Amino acid sequence: SYGGNISAIATDDNYVYVGGTAQTVRKLNKSDLSQVAESASYGGGIYTMAIDNDFIYVGGWGTQTVRKLRKSDLSQVAESENYGEDILAITVDDNEFVYVGGTAQTVRKLNKSNLSQVAESANCGGDIRAIVVDDNDFIYVGGETQVVKKLHKFDLSLIDESASYGGGIYTMAIDNDFIYVGGWGTQTVRKLRKSDLSQVAESE
């Protein structure tokens, strides 16, 4: 047993990383899910994680910071300033940045190296629960505003906004051309064009 509710899972080629209300990250072998390592306590529940080649970035409630951990042994490398509220969403790009959102209702852009803040968006108008990033210049943000907001990576300025999903957006996925959105209220999956956030299809 992890010892608490599991709220976040991430994987790489060989391992699974798990976090939640037990307030630690556990590293498990993919083959049989045996434990390899465990981090020190985050100081609160872990709601979200993102990974790159060498590190894991975790956030949640209580501590309300982003912590950067080494994947090898889950030791802490860096910690951001306090976000000010619970952190519900983290993603990383292929460059040098981490994007963070939550109940403070803004997105913060942090340097991967030391988690110093680079930029912060305007208030999105509701809790942020999902962030995805593309290979170009944009990130996409969803949550209790019930819309997807398209922000420029450089300064987090607002570029575009989708029509209402009809409920809170809790999760999103992205590919080369489209964003897939789900949540409460409507309880469907919507497929949106990345270019203009227009709806292409909707599930039953």
Protein backbone atom coordinates (compact mmCIF):
# COMPACT_ATOMS: atom_id res chain seq x y z
CA SER A 1 0.00 0.00 0.00
CA TYR A 2 1.12 3.54 -0.77
CA GLY A 3 -0.43 4.59 2.53
CA GLY A 4 -2.73 7.24 1.11
CA ASN A 5 -4.81 8.19 -1.91
CA ILE A 6 -2.83 8.24 -5.17
CA SER A 7 -3.38 11.45 -7.13
CA ALA A 8 -0.51 11.48 -9.64
CA ILE A 9 1.38 8.91 -11.71
CA ALA A 10 4.15 9.41 -14.27
CA THR A 11 6.28 6.92 -16.20
CA ASP A 12 9.55 6.72 -18.09
CA ASP A 13 11.12 3.79 -19.97
CA ASN A 14 11.81 1.71 -16.85
CA TYR A 15 9.99 3.13 -13.84
CA VAL A 16 6.65 4.35 -12.49
CA TYR A 17 6.53 7.36 -10.15
CA VAL A 18 3.57 7.70 -7.76
CA GLY A 19 2.43 10.52 -5.48
CA GLY A 20 -0.59 11.43 -3.37
CA THR A 21 -1.84 12.06 0.14
CA ALA A 22 0.97 10.04 1.75
CA GLN A 23 3.03 13.14 0.79
CA THR A 24 5.95 11.26 -0.79
CA VAL A 25 6.92 10.14 -4.28
CA ARG A 26 7.61 6.44 -4.73
CA LYS A 27 9.66 5.01 -7.59
CA LEU A 28 8.54 1.54 -8.70
CA ASN A 29 9.92 -0.98 -11.19
CA LYS A 30 7.65 -1.22 -14.21
CA SER A 31 8.13 -4.99 -14.40
CA ASP A 32 6.62 -5.95 -11.04
CA LEU A 33 5.90 -2.59 -9.30
CA SER A 34 8.44 -3.32 -6.57
CA GLN A 35 9.67 -0.18 -4.78
CA VAL A 36 13.07 1.24 -5.72
CA ALA A 37 13.12 4.55 -3.85
CA GLU A 38 10.98 6.99 -1.88
CA SER A 39 11.34 10.75 -1.54
CA ALA A 40 11.29 12.78 1.64
CA SER A 41 7.89 14.19 2.59
CA TYR A 42 6.59 16.98 0.38
CA GLY A 43 4.89 18.53 3.41
CA GLY A 44 1.40 18.12 1.99
CA GLY A 45 -0.55 16.02 -0.46
CA ILE A 46 0.94 15.68 -3.95
CA TYR A 47 -1.66 16.45 -6.62
CA THR A 48 0.41 16.54 -9.80
CA MET A 49 3.75 15.48 -11.31
CA ALA A 50 5.66 15.97 -14.56
CA ILE A 51 8.93 14.37 -15.69
CA ASP A 52 11.74 14.98 -18.14
CA ASN A 53 14.85 12.93 -18.86
CA ASP A 54 16.46 13.32 -15.44
CA PHE A 55 14.03 14.96 -13.02
CA ILE A 56 10.51 14.89 -11.56
CA TYR A 57 8.58 18.07 -10.74
CA VAL A 58 5.90 17.72 -8.05
CA GLY A 59 3.29 20.05 -6.58
CA GLY A 60 0.23 19.99 -4.35
CA TRP A 61 -1.31 21.41 -1.20
CA GLY A 62 0.30 22.25 2.12
CA THR A 63 3.75 23.25 0.93
CA GLN A 64 2.31 24.83 -2.27
CA THR A 65 5.69 24.84 -4.00
CA VAL A 66 7.15 22.94 -6.93
CA ARG A 67 9.91 20.55 -5.94
CA LYS A 68 12.45 19.18 -8.41
CA LEU A 69 13.62 15.65 -7.59
CA ARG A 70 16.30 13.47 -9.15
CA LYS A 71 14.73 10.46 -10.82
CA SER A 72 17.66 8.26 -9.79
CA ASP A 73 17.12 8.46 -6.01
CA LEU A 74 14.27 10.99 -5.56
CA SER A 75 16.55 13.43 -3.71
CA GLN A 76 15.54 17.10 -3.87
CA VAL A 77 17.46 19.38 -6.25
CA ALA A 78 15.48 22.64 -6.11
CA GLU A 79 12.27 24.21 -4.82
CA SER A 80 10.22 27.10 -6.18
CA GLU A 81 8.79 30.02 -4.28
CA ASN A 82 5.32 29.47 -2.82
CA TYR A 83 2.60 29.51 -5.49
CA GLY A 84 0.23 30.98 -2.91
CA GLU A 85 -2.46 28.32 -3.29
CA ASP A 86 -2.76 24.60 -4.05
CA ILE A 87 -0.93 23.40 -7.17
CA LEU A 88 -3.19 21.22 -9.32
CA ALA A 89 -1.34 21.07 -12.66
CA ILE A 90 2.28 20.90 -13.82
CA THR A 91 3.75 20.35 -17.26
CA VAL A 92 7.22 20.75 -18.79
CA ASP A 93 8.34 21.62 -22.30
CA ASP A 94 11.27 20.32 -24.32
CA ASN A 95 13.26 23.45 -23.54
CA GLU A 96 14.03 24.82 -20.11
CA PHE A 97 10.68 25.59 -18.52
CA VAL A 98 8.02 24.26 -16.15
CA TYR A 99 4.42 25.55 -16.21
CA VAL A 100 2.36 25.48 -13.01
CA GLY A 101 -1.28 26.23 -12.22
CA GLY A 102 -3.85 25.71 -9.48
CA THR A 103 -6.26 27.45 -7.17
CA ALA A 104 -4.37 30.77 -7.40
CA GLN A 105 -5.93 30.82 -10.90
CA THR A 106 -2.75 31.90 -12.69
CA VAL A 107 -0.10 30.03 -14.65
CA ARG A 108 3.52 30.49 -13.62
CA LYS A 109 6.48 29.79 -15.90
CA LEU A 110 9.56 28.57 -14.02
CA ASN A 111 13.14 27.84 -15.05
CA LYS A 112 13.77 24.10 -14.92
CA SER A 113 17.28 24.65 -13.55
CA ASN A 114 16.43 26.33 -10.24
CA LEU A 115 12.63 26.80 -10.41
CA SER A 116 12.93 30.59 -10.38
CA GLN A 117 9.92 32.41 -11.82
CA VAL A 118 10.14 33.76 -15.37
CA ALA A 119 6.57 34.90 -16.05
CA GLU A 120 3.01 34.76 -14.70
CA SER A 121 -0.26 34.89 -16.61
CA ALA A 122 -3.21 37.12 -15.87
CA ASN A 123 -5.90 35.59 -13.67
CA CYS A 124 -7.66 32.87 -15.67
CA GLY A 125 -10.96 33.36 -13.80
CA GLY A 126 -11.09 29.98 -12.07
CA ASP A 127 -9.03 27.15 -10.63
CA ILE A 128 -6.59 25.63 -13.14
CA ARG A 129 -6.73 21.83 -13.28
CA ALA A 130 -5.00 20.92 -16.54
CA ILE A 131 -2.11 22.31 -18.62
CA VAL A 132 -0.69 20.89 -21.84
CA VAL A 133 2.12 22.21 -24.00
CA ASP A 134 2.88 21.83 -27.71
CA ASP A 135 6.15 21.78 -29.64
CA ASN A 136 5.61 25.29 -30.94
CA ASP A 137 4.93 28.46 -29.00
CA PHE A 138 1.79 27.72 -26.99
CA ILE A 139 0.37 26.18 -23.84
CA TYR A 140 -3.29 25.30 -23.26
CA VAL A 141 -5.01 25.72 -19.91
CA GLY A 142 -8.30 24.29 -18.62
CA GLY A 143 -10.20 24.23 -15.34
CA GLU A 144 -13.19 25.72 -13.59
CA THR A 145 -13.51 28.50 -16.18
CA GLN A 146 -15.01 25.76 -18.42
CA VAL A 147 -13.00 26.95 -21.43
CA VAL A 148 -9.59 26.12 -22.89
CA LYS A 149 -7.29 29.13 -22.93
CA LYS A 150 -4.38 29.29 -25.37
CA LEU A 151 -1.39 31.21 -23.98
CA HIS A 152 1.89 32.21 -25.56
CA LYS A 153 4.80 30.36 -23.95
CA PHE A 154 7.04 33.42 -23.95
CA ASP A 155 5.07 35.74 -21.65
CA LEU A 156 1.89 33.72 -20.91
CA SER A 157 -0.26 36.29 -22.69
CA LEU A 158 -3.74 35.15 -23.82
CA ILE A 159 -3.97 34.28 -27.52
CA ASP A 160 -7.37 32.58 -27.86
CA GLU A 161 -10.17 30.91 -25.93
CA SER A 162 -12.53 28.05 -26.77
CA ALA A 163 -16.29 27.97 -26.42
CA SER A 164 -17.56 26.73 -23.04
CA TYR A 165 -17.17 23.02 -22.36
CA GLY A 166 -20.30 23.17 -20.20
CA GLY A 167 -18.53 22.13 -17.01
CA GLY A 168 -15.16 22.17 -15.31
CA ILE A 169 -12.25 20.81 -17.35
CA TYR A 170 -10.24 18.32 -15.30
CA THR A 171 -7.96 16.72 -17.89
CA MET A 172 -6.52 17.37 -21.35
CA ALA A 173 -4.28 15.58 -23.84
CA ILE A 174 -2.55 16.91 -26.92
CA ASP A 175 -1.15 15.65 -30.23
CA ASN A 176 0.27 17.39 -33.29
CA ASP A 177 -2.98 19.09 -34.33
CA PHE A 178 -5.66 18.62 -31.68
CA ILE A 179 -6.51 18.91 -27.98
CA TYR A 180 -8.79 16.41 -26.23
CA VAL A 181 -10.74 17.74 -23.25
CA GLY A 182 -12.79 16.09 -20.49
CA GLY A 183 -14.34 16.99 -17.15
CA TRP A 184 -17.60 17.29 -15.22
CA GLY A 185 -20.93 18.72 -16.33
CA THR A 186 -20.91 17.79 -20.01
CA GLN A 187 -19.07 14.52 -19.24
CA THR A 188 -17.96 14.09 -22.85
CA VAL A 189 -14.63 14.22 -24.62
CA ARG A 190 -14.29 17.15 -27.00
CA LYS A 191 -11.72 17.35 -29.76
CA LEU A 192 -10.52 20.90 -30.48
CA ARG A 193 -8.25 22.30 -33.18
CA LYS A 194 -5.06 23.71 -31.69
CA SER A 195 -4.99 26.49 -34.27
CA ASP A 196 -8.21 28.24 -33.23
CA LEU A 197 -9.73 26.02 -30.48
CA SER A 198 -12.77 25.27 -32.62
CA GLN A 199 -14.59 22.02 -31.90
CA VAL A 200 -14.06 19.16 -34.36
CA ALA A 201 -15.89 16.29 -32.65
CA GLU A 202 -17.56 15.21 -29.39
CA SER A 203 -17.98 11.78 -27.84
CA GLU A 204 -21.32 10.29 -26.79
